[in-house]
C-alpha cells in the first residue's frame, strides 16, 4: 500500500513534469524569410513523416495566416531528409505528373499555395526550374527531435485564384526554419 502512495505522490509527478512544461509552453518552431524583399514569418509549422523510405523523410509545411482576410499562405517541402546537407528543390510536378519517390535518391519537392478559410484554394505556385532553389538541413537532433535549416526558393504561378492580385513570381530568400518533429 505504501508503494502505491509513493508512486502517486512522488514518482508520478516527476514522470509528468517534463510533459507539463511542454503543455504550458509548447515549442511550435519558427520560420522566416524575405518574400520579394519583404519579411515573411510563418505563424504555424506542421510536419508529418513519409513512411515510404527507411530514412523517415519529412513533409514540412510553413504557414502564415492573415486573420483580417482569412488567407493562409503555405510553403510545403516534401521528402526532406532527417540528416544534415544541402539539397536542391525540384518542382512538385511536371506536366501534371507527380514525381515517383525513389528512396535511393533524395529529391525534395516544394510548392506554395494560398487558401481562403484554410480549405478553398486561391493561388498555387510551383518551383521555377533552372533557378538556384535549395533547402539546407543545418542540424538534426535525434534526441530533441528538432530540425533546423535554411532555404532559398523561387516559385512561379501555376493556378491563379478568383480575383487574385498575387504577383507571378515569389522569391523567398534568406529563409530559416527550426521545428520539432515528434
C-alpha atoms as a PDB file:
ATOM      1  CA  UNK A   1       0.000   0.000   0.000  1.00  0.00           C
ATOM      2  CA  UNK A   2       2.837   2.411   0.817  1.00  0.00           C
ATOM      3  CA  UNK A   3       4.375   1.735  -2.606  1.00  0.00           C
ATOM      4  CA  UNK A   4       1.102   2.853  -4.228  1.00  0.00           C
ATOM      5  CA  UNK A   5       1.188   6.190  -2.365  1.00  0.00           C
ATOM      6  CA  UNK A   6       4.881   6.582  -3.111  1.00  0.00           C
ATOM      7  CA  UNK A   7       4.102   6.247  -6.817  1.00  0.00           C
ATOM      8  CA  UNK A   8       1.072   8.571  -6.754  1.00  0.00           C
ATOM      9  CA  UNK A   9       2.655  11.396  -4.748  1.00  0.00           C
ATOM     10  CA  UNK A  10       6.326  11.254  -5.697  1.00  0.00           C
ATOM     11  CA  UNK A  11       7.165   9.216  -8.793  1.00  0.00           C
ATOM     12  CA  UNK A  12       4.140  10.047 -10.998  1.00  0.00           C
ATOM     13  CA  UNK A  13       4.540  13.858 -10.649  1.00  0.00           C
ATOM     14  CA  UNK A  14       8.229  13.549 -11.534  1.00  0.00           C
ATOM     15  CA  UNK A  15       7.357  11.498 -14.634  1.00  0.00           C
ATOM     16  CA  UNK A  16       4.919  14.071 -15.990  1.00  0.00           C
ATOM     17  CA  UNK A  17       6.774  17.251 -15.014  1.00  0.00           C
ATOM     18  CA  UNK A  18       8.536  17.465 -18.400  1.00  0.00           C
ATOM     19  CA  UNK A  19       5.241  16.931 -20.217  1.00  0.00           C
ATOM     20  CA  UNK A  20       3.541  19.642 -18.168  1.00  0.00           C
ATOM     21  CA  UNK A  21       6.251  22.115 -19.180  1.00  0.00           C
ATOM     22  CA  UNK A  22       5.516  21.348 -22.823  1.00  0.00           C
ATOM     23  CA  UNK A  23       1.753  21.696 -22.288  1.00  0.00           C
ATOM     24  CA  UNK A  24       2.069  25.178 -20.845  1.00  0.00           C
ATOM     25  CA  UNK A  25       4.951  26.345 -23.038  1.00  0.00           C
ATOM     26  CA  UNK A  26       4.999  24.174 -26.163  1.00  0.00           C
ATOM     27  CA  UNK A  27       7.740  24.677 -28.714  1.00  0.00           C
ATOM     28  CA  UNK A  28       5.985  25.237 -32.008  1.00  0.00           C
ATOM     29  CA  UNK A  29       9.017  26.146 -34.031  1.00  0.00           C
ATOM     30  CA  UNK A  30       9.636  29.194 -36.151  1.00  0.00           C
ATOM     31  CA  UNK A  31      10.352  30.077 -39.737  1.00  0.00           C
ATOM     32  CA  UNK A  32      11.024  33.279 -41.582  1.00  0.00           C
ATOM     33  CA  UNK A  33      12.298  34.531 -44.910  1.00  0.00           C
ATOM     34  CA  UNK A  34      12.174  37.507 -47.211  1.00  0.00           C
ATOM     35  CA  UNK A  35       9.371  37.230 -49.754  1.00  0.00           C
ATOM     36  CA  UNK A  36      10.097  39.542 -52.692  1.00  0.00           C
ATOM     37  CA  UNK A  37      12.300  41.591 -50.298  1.00  0.00           C
ATOM     38  CA  UNK A  38       9.619  41.907 -47.556  1.00  0.00           C
ATOM     39  CA  UNK A  39       9.778  39.976 -44.299  1.00  0.00           C
ATOM     40  CA  UNK A  40       7.593  36.838 -44.251  1.00  0.00           C
ATOM     41  CA  UNK A  41       7.159  34.951 -40.981  1.00  0.00           C
ATOM     42  CA  UNK A  42       5.366  31.641 -40.501  1.00  0.00           C
ATOM     43  CA  UNK A  43       2.721  31.547 -37.791  1.00  0.00           C
ATOM     44  CA  UNK A  44       2.459  27.742 -37.789  1.00  0.00           C
ATOM     45  CA  UNK A  45       4.709  24.818 -38.655  1.00  0.00           C
ATOM     46  CA  UNK A  46       3.312  21.363 -39.395  1.00  0.00           C
ATOM     47  CA  UNK A  47       5.144  18.160 -40.189  1.00  0.00           C
ATOM     48  CA  UNK A  48       4.496  14.534 -40.998  1.00  0.00           C
ATOM     49  CA  UNK A  49       6.700  11.539 -41.664  1.00  0.00           C
ATOM     50  CA  UNK A  50       6.771   9.978 -45.107  1.00  0.00           C
ATOM     51  CA  UNK A  51       6.914   6.303 -44.191  1.00  0.00           C
ATOM     52  CA  UNK A  52       7.853   5.006 -47.634  1.00  0.00           C
ATOM     53  CA  UNK A  53      11.600   5.286 -47.075  1.00  0.00           C
ATOM     54  CA  UNK A  54      13.709   3.814 -44.300  1.00  0.00           C
ATOM     55  CA  UNK A  55      15.269   7.229 -43.628  1.00  0.00           C
ATOM     56  CA  UNK A  56      11.923   8.565 -42.434  1.00  0.00           C
ATOM     57  CA  UNK A  57      11.788  11.626 -44.639  1.00  0.00           C
ATOM     58  CA  UNK A  58       9.624  14.565 -43.627  1.00  0.00           C
ATOM     59  CA  UNK A  59       6.888  16.667 -45.101  1.00  0.00           C
ATOM     60  CA  UNK A  60       7.305  20.162 -43.632  1.00  0.00           C
ATOM     61  CA  UNK A  61       4.712  22.915 -44.021  1.00  0.00           C
ATOM     62  CA  UNK A  62       5.406  26.547 -43.097  1.00  0.00           C
ATOM     63  CA  UNK A  63       2.188  28.592 -42.924  1.00  0.00           C
ATOM     64  CA  UNK A  64       1.335  32.242 -42.423  1.00  0.00           C
ATOM     65  CA  UNK A  65      -2.223  33.294 -41.585  1.00  0.00           C
ATOM     66  CA  UNK A  66      -3.777  36.688 -42.127  1.00  0.00           C
ATOM     67  CA  UNK A  67      -6.711  36.902 -39.709  1.00  0.00           C
ATOM     68  CA  UNK A  68      -8.204  40.011 -41.298  1.00  0.00           C
ATOM     69  CA  UNK A  69      -8.658  38.287 -44.680  1.00  0.00           C
ATOM     70  CA  UNK A  70      -8.706  34.605 -43.602  1.00  0.00           C
ATOM     71  CA  UNK A  71      -5.983  33.955 -46.180  1.00  0.00           C
ATOM     72  CA  UNK A  72      -3.337  31.373 -45.329  1.00  0.00           C
ATOM     73  CA  UNK A  73      -0.071  31.085 -47.266  1.00  0.00           C
ATOM     74  CA  UNK A  74       1.940  27.861 -47.113  1.00  0.00           C
ATOM     75  CA  UNK A  75       5.305  26.611 -48.287  1.00  0.00           C
ATOM     76  CA  UNK A  76       5.330  22.806 -48.365  1.00  0.00           C
ATOM     77  CA  UNK A  77       8.516  20.760 -48.612  1.00  0.00           C
ATOM     78  CA  UNK A  78       8.240  17.026 -49.204  1.00  0.00           C
ATOM     79  CA  UNK A  79      10.847  14.289 -48.849  1.00  0.00           C
ATOM     80  CA  UNK A  80      13.008  16.392 -46.520  1.00  0.00           C
ATOM     81  CA  UNK A  81      15.694  14.096 -45.052  1.00  0.00           C
ATOM     82  CA  UNK A  82      16.490  13.965 -41.374  1.00  0.00           C
ATOM     83  CA  UNK A  83      20.185  14.443 -41.969  1.00  0.00           C
ATOM     84  CA  UNK A  84      22.403  17.432 -42.495  1.00  0.00           C
ATOM     85  CA  UNK A  85      23.163  18.544 -46.013  1.00  0.00           C
ATOM     86  CA  UNK A  86      22.262  20.930 -48.800  1.00  0.00           C
ATOM     87  CA  UNK A  87      19.638  19.669 -51.235  1.00  0.00           C
ATOM     88  CA  UNK A  88      18.252  21.018 -54.487  1.00  0.00           C
ATOM     89  CA  UNK A  89      14.491  21.575 -54.637  1.00  0.00           C
ATOM     90  CA  UNK A  90      12.523  20.302 -57.623  1.00  0.00           C
ATOM     91  CA  UNK A  91       9.019  21.140 -58.876  1.00  0.00           C
ATOM     92  CA  UNK A  92       6.255  19.180 -57.138  1.00  0.00           C
ATOM     93  CA  UNK A  93       5.038  18.038 -60.535  1.00  0.00           C
ATOM     94  CA  UNK A  94       5.961  18.426 -64.151  1.00  0.00           C
ATOM     95  CA  UNK A  95       3.372  18.278 -66.946  1.00  0.00           C
ATOM     96  CA  UNK A  96       0.692  17.413 -64.371  1.00  0.00           C
ATOM     97  CA  UNK A  97       2.611  14.307 -63.257  1.00  0.00           C
ATOM     98  CA  UNK A  98       3.878  13.872 -59.716  1.00  0.00           C
ATOM     99  CA  UNK A  99       7.436  12.524 -59.359  1.00  0.00           C
ATOM    100  CA  UNK A 100       7.879   8.976 -58.164  1.00  0.00           C
ATOM    101  CA  UNK A 101       9.519   8.556 -54.776  1.00  0.00           C
ATOM    102  CA  UNK A 102      12.938   6.933 -55.066  1.00  0.00           C
ATOM    103  CA  UNK A 103      14.355   6.047 -51.652  1.00  0.00           C
ATOM    104  CA  UNK A 104      17.878   5.751 -53.105  1.00  0.00           C
ATOM    105  CA  UNK A 105      17.845   9.292 -54.468  1.00  0.00           C
ATOM    106  CA  UNK A 106      16.779  12.327 -52.433  1.00  0.00           C
ATOM    107  CA  UNK A 107      14.529  14.576 -54.486  1.00  0.00           C
ATOM    108  CA  UNK A 108      12.948  17.289 -52.365  1.00  0.00           C
ATOM    109  CA  UNK A 109       9.923  18.962 -53.895  1.00  0.00           C
ATOM    110  CA  UNK A 110       8.123  22.144 -52.864  1.00  0.00           C
ATOM    111  CA  UNK A 111       5.071  24.199 -53.661  1.00  0.00           C
ATOM    112  CA  UNK A 112       3.485  27.400 -52.421  1.00  0.00           C
ATOM    113  CA  UNK A 113      -0.251  27.860 -52.037  1.00  0.00           C
ATOM    114  CA  UNK A 114      -2.693  30.318 -50.601  1.00  0.00           C
ATOM    115  CA  UNK A 115      -6.120  29.371 -49.338  1.00  0.00           C
ATOM    116  CA  UNK A 116      -9.158  31.182 -48.010  1.00  0.00           C
ATOM    117  CA  UNK A 117     -10.506  29.877 -44.735  1.00  0.00           C
ATOM    118  CA  UNK A 118      -7.966  27.065 -44.757  1.00  0.00           C
ATOM    119  CA  UNK A 119      -9.591  24.969 -47.482  1.00  0.00           C
ATOM    120  CA  UNK A 120     -10.620  26.963 -50.588  1.00  0.00           C
ATOM    121  CA  UNK A 121      -7.587  27.077 -52.881  1.00  0.00           C
ATOM    122  CA  UNK A 122      -6.762  30.605 -54.006  1.00  0.00           C
ATOM    123  CA  UNK A 123      -3.352  30.617 -55.744  1.00  0.00           C
ATOM    124  CA  UNK A 124      -0.926  27.782 -56.457  1.00  0.00           C
ATOM    125  CA  UNK A 125       2.773  28.176 -57.284  1.00  0.00           C
ATOM    126  CA  UNK A 126       5.431  25.698 -58.373  1.00  0.00           C
ATOM    127  CA  UNK A 127       9.207  25.827 -58.200  1.00  0.00           C
ATOM    128  CA  UNK A 128      10.872  27.763 -61.013  1.00  0.00           C
ATOM    129  CA  UNK A 129      13.045  25.232 -62.810  1.00  0.00           C
ATOM    130  CA  UNK A 130      16.622  26.226 -63.504  1.00  0.00           C
ATOM    131  CA  UNK A 131      16.791  28.679 -60.599  1.00  0.00           C
ATOM    132  CA  UNK A 132      19.074  28.121 -57.589  1.00  0.00           C
ATOM    133  CA  UNK A 133      16.444  26.526 -55.301  1.00  0.00           C
ATOM    134  CA  UNK A 134      17.724  24.719 -52.236  1.00  0.00           C
ATOM    135  CA  UNK A 135      16.992  23.709 -48.685  1.00  0.00           C
ATOM    136  CA  UNK A 136      19.836  23.043 -46.276  1.00  0.00           C
ATOM    137  CA  UNK A 137      19.351  20.959 -43.146  1.00  0.00           C
ATOM    138  CA  UNK A 138      21.911  22.588 -40.870  1.00  0.00           C
ATOM    139  CA  UNK A 139      21.104  20.490 -37.804  1.00  0.00           C
ATOM    140  CA  UNK A 140      19.027  17.449 -36.964  1.00  0.00           C
ATOM    141  CA  UNK A 141      18.995  16.489 -33.281  1.00  0.00           C
ATOM    142  CA  UNK A 142      17.532  13.000 -32.967  1.00  0.00           C
ATOM    143  CA  UNK A 143      17.411  13.217 -29.161  1.00  0.00           C
ATOM    144  CA  UNK A 144      15.490  16.507 -29.051  1.00  0.00           C
ATOM    145  CA  UNK A 145      13.662  15.623 -32.290  1.00  0.00           C
ATOM    146  CA  UNK A 146      14.405  19.040 -33.755  1.00  0.00           C
ATOM    147  CA  UNK A 147      15.391  20.099 -37.236  1.00  0.00           C
ATOM    148  CA  UNK A 148      16.957  23.407 -38.293  1.00  0.00           C
ATOM    149  CA  UNK A 149      17.692  24.669 -41.730  1.00  0.00           C
ATOM    150  CA  UNK A 150      17.823  27.382 -44.345  1.00  0.00           C
ATOM    151  CA  UNK A 151      16.233  27.744 -47.774  1.00  0.00           C
ATOM    152  CA  UNK A 152      16.131  29.871 -50.895  1.00  0.00           C
ATOM    153  CA  UNK A 153      13.413  29.213 -53.443  1.00  0.00           C
ATOM    154  CA  UNK A 154      11.632  30.872 -56.355  1.00  0.00           C
ATOM    155  CA  UNK A 155       8.043  29.996 -57.228  1.00  0.00           C
ATOM    156  CA  UNK A 156       6.017  30.855 -60.344  1.00  0.00           C
ATOM    157  CA  UNK A 157       2.237  30.960 -60.552  1.00  0.00           C
ATOM    158  CA  UNK A 158       0.567  27.866 -61.984  1.00  0.00           C
ATOM    159  CA  UNK A 159      -3.039  28.496 -60.894  1.00  0.00           C
ATOM    160  CA  UNK A 160      -4.476  31.916 -60.195  1.00  0.00           C
ATOM    161  CA  UNK A 161      -7.423  32.185 -57.830  1.00  0.00           C
ATOM    162  CA  UNK A 162     -10.573  34.239 -58.182  1.00  0.00           C
ATOM    163  CA  UNK A 163      -9.802  37.990 -58.043  1.00  0.00           C
ATOM    164  CA  UNK A 164      -6.150  37.255 -57.311  1.00  0.00           C
ATOM    165  CA  UNK A 165      -3.753  40.161 -57.037  1.00  0.00           C
ATOM    166  CA  UNK A 166      -0.717  37.995 -56.308  1.00  0.00           C
ATOM    167  CA  UNK A 167       2.473  38.501 -58.326  1.00  0.00           C
ATOM    168  CA  UNK A 168       3.535  35.962 -60.965  1.00  0.00           C
ATOM    169  CA  UNK A 169       6.824  35.204 -59.192  1.00  0.00           C
ATOM    170  CA  UNK A 170       7.574  34.736 -55.495  1.00  0.00           C
ATOM    171  CA  UNK A 171      11.200  34.785 -54.351  1.00  0.00           C
ATOM    172  CA  UNK A 172      11.935  33.522 -50.856  1.00  0.00           C
ATOM    173  CA  UNK A 173      15.470  34.445 -49.789  1.00  0.00           C
ATOM    174  CA  UNK A 174      17.390  34.093 -46.534  1.00  0.00           C
ATOM    175  CA  UNK A 175      14.833  31.550 -45.300  1.00  0.00           C
ATOM    176  CA  UNK A 176      15.322  29.856 -41.934  1.00  0.00           C
ATOM    177  CA  UNK A 177      13.301  27.267 -40.025  1.00  0.00           C
ATOM    178  CA  UNK A 178      13.516  25.458 -36.695  1.00  0.00           C
ATOM    179  CA  UNK A 179      10.910  22.821 -35.899  1.00  0.00           C
ATOM    180  CA  UNK A 180      10.249  19.966 -33.513  1.00  0.00           C
ATOM    181  CA  UNK A 181       9.381  16.718 -35.266  1.00  0.00           C
ATOM    182  CA  UNK A 182       7.894  14.390 -32.670  1.00  0.00           C
END
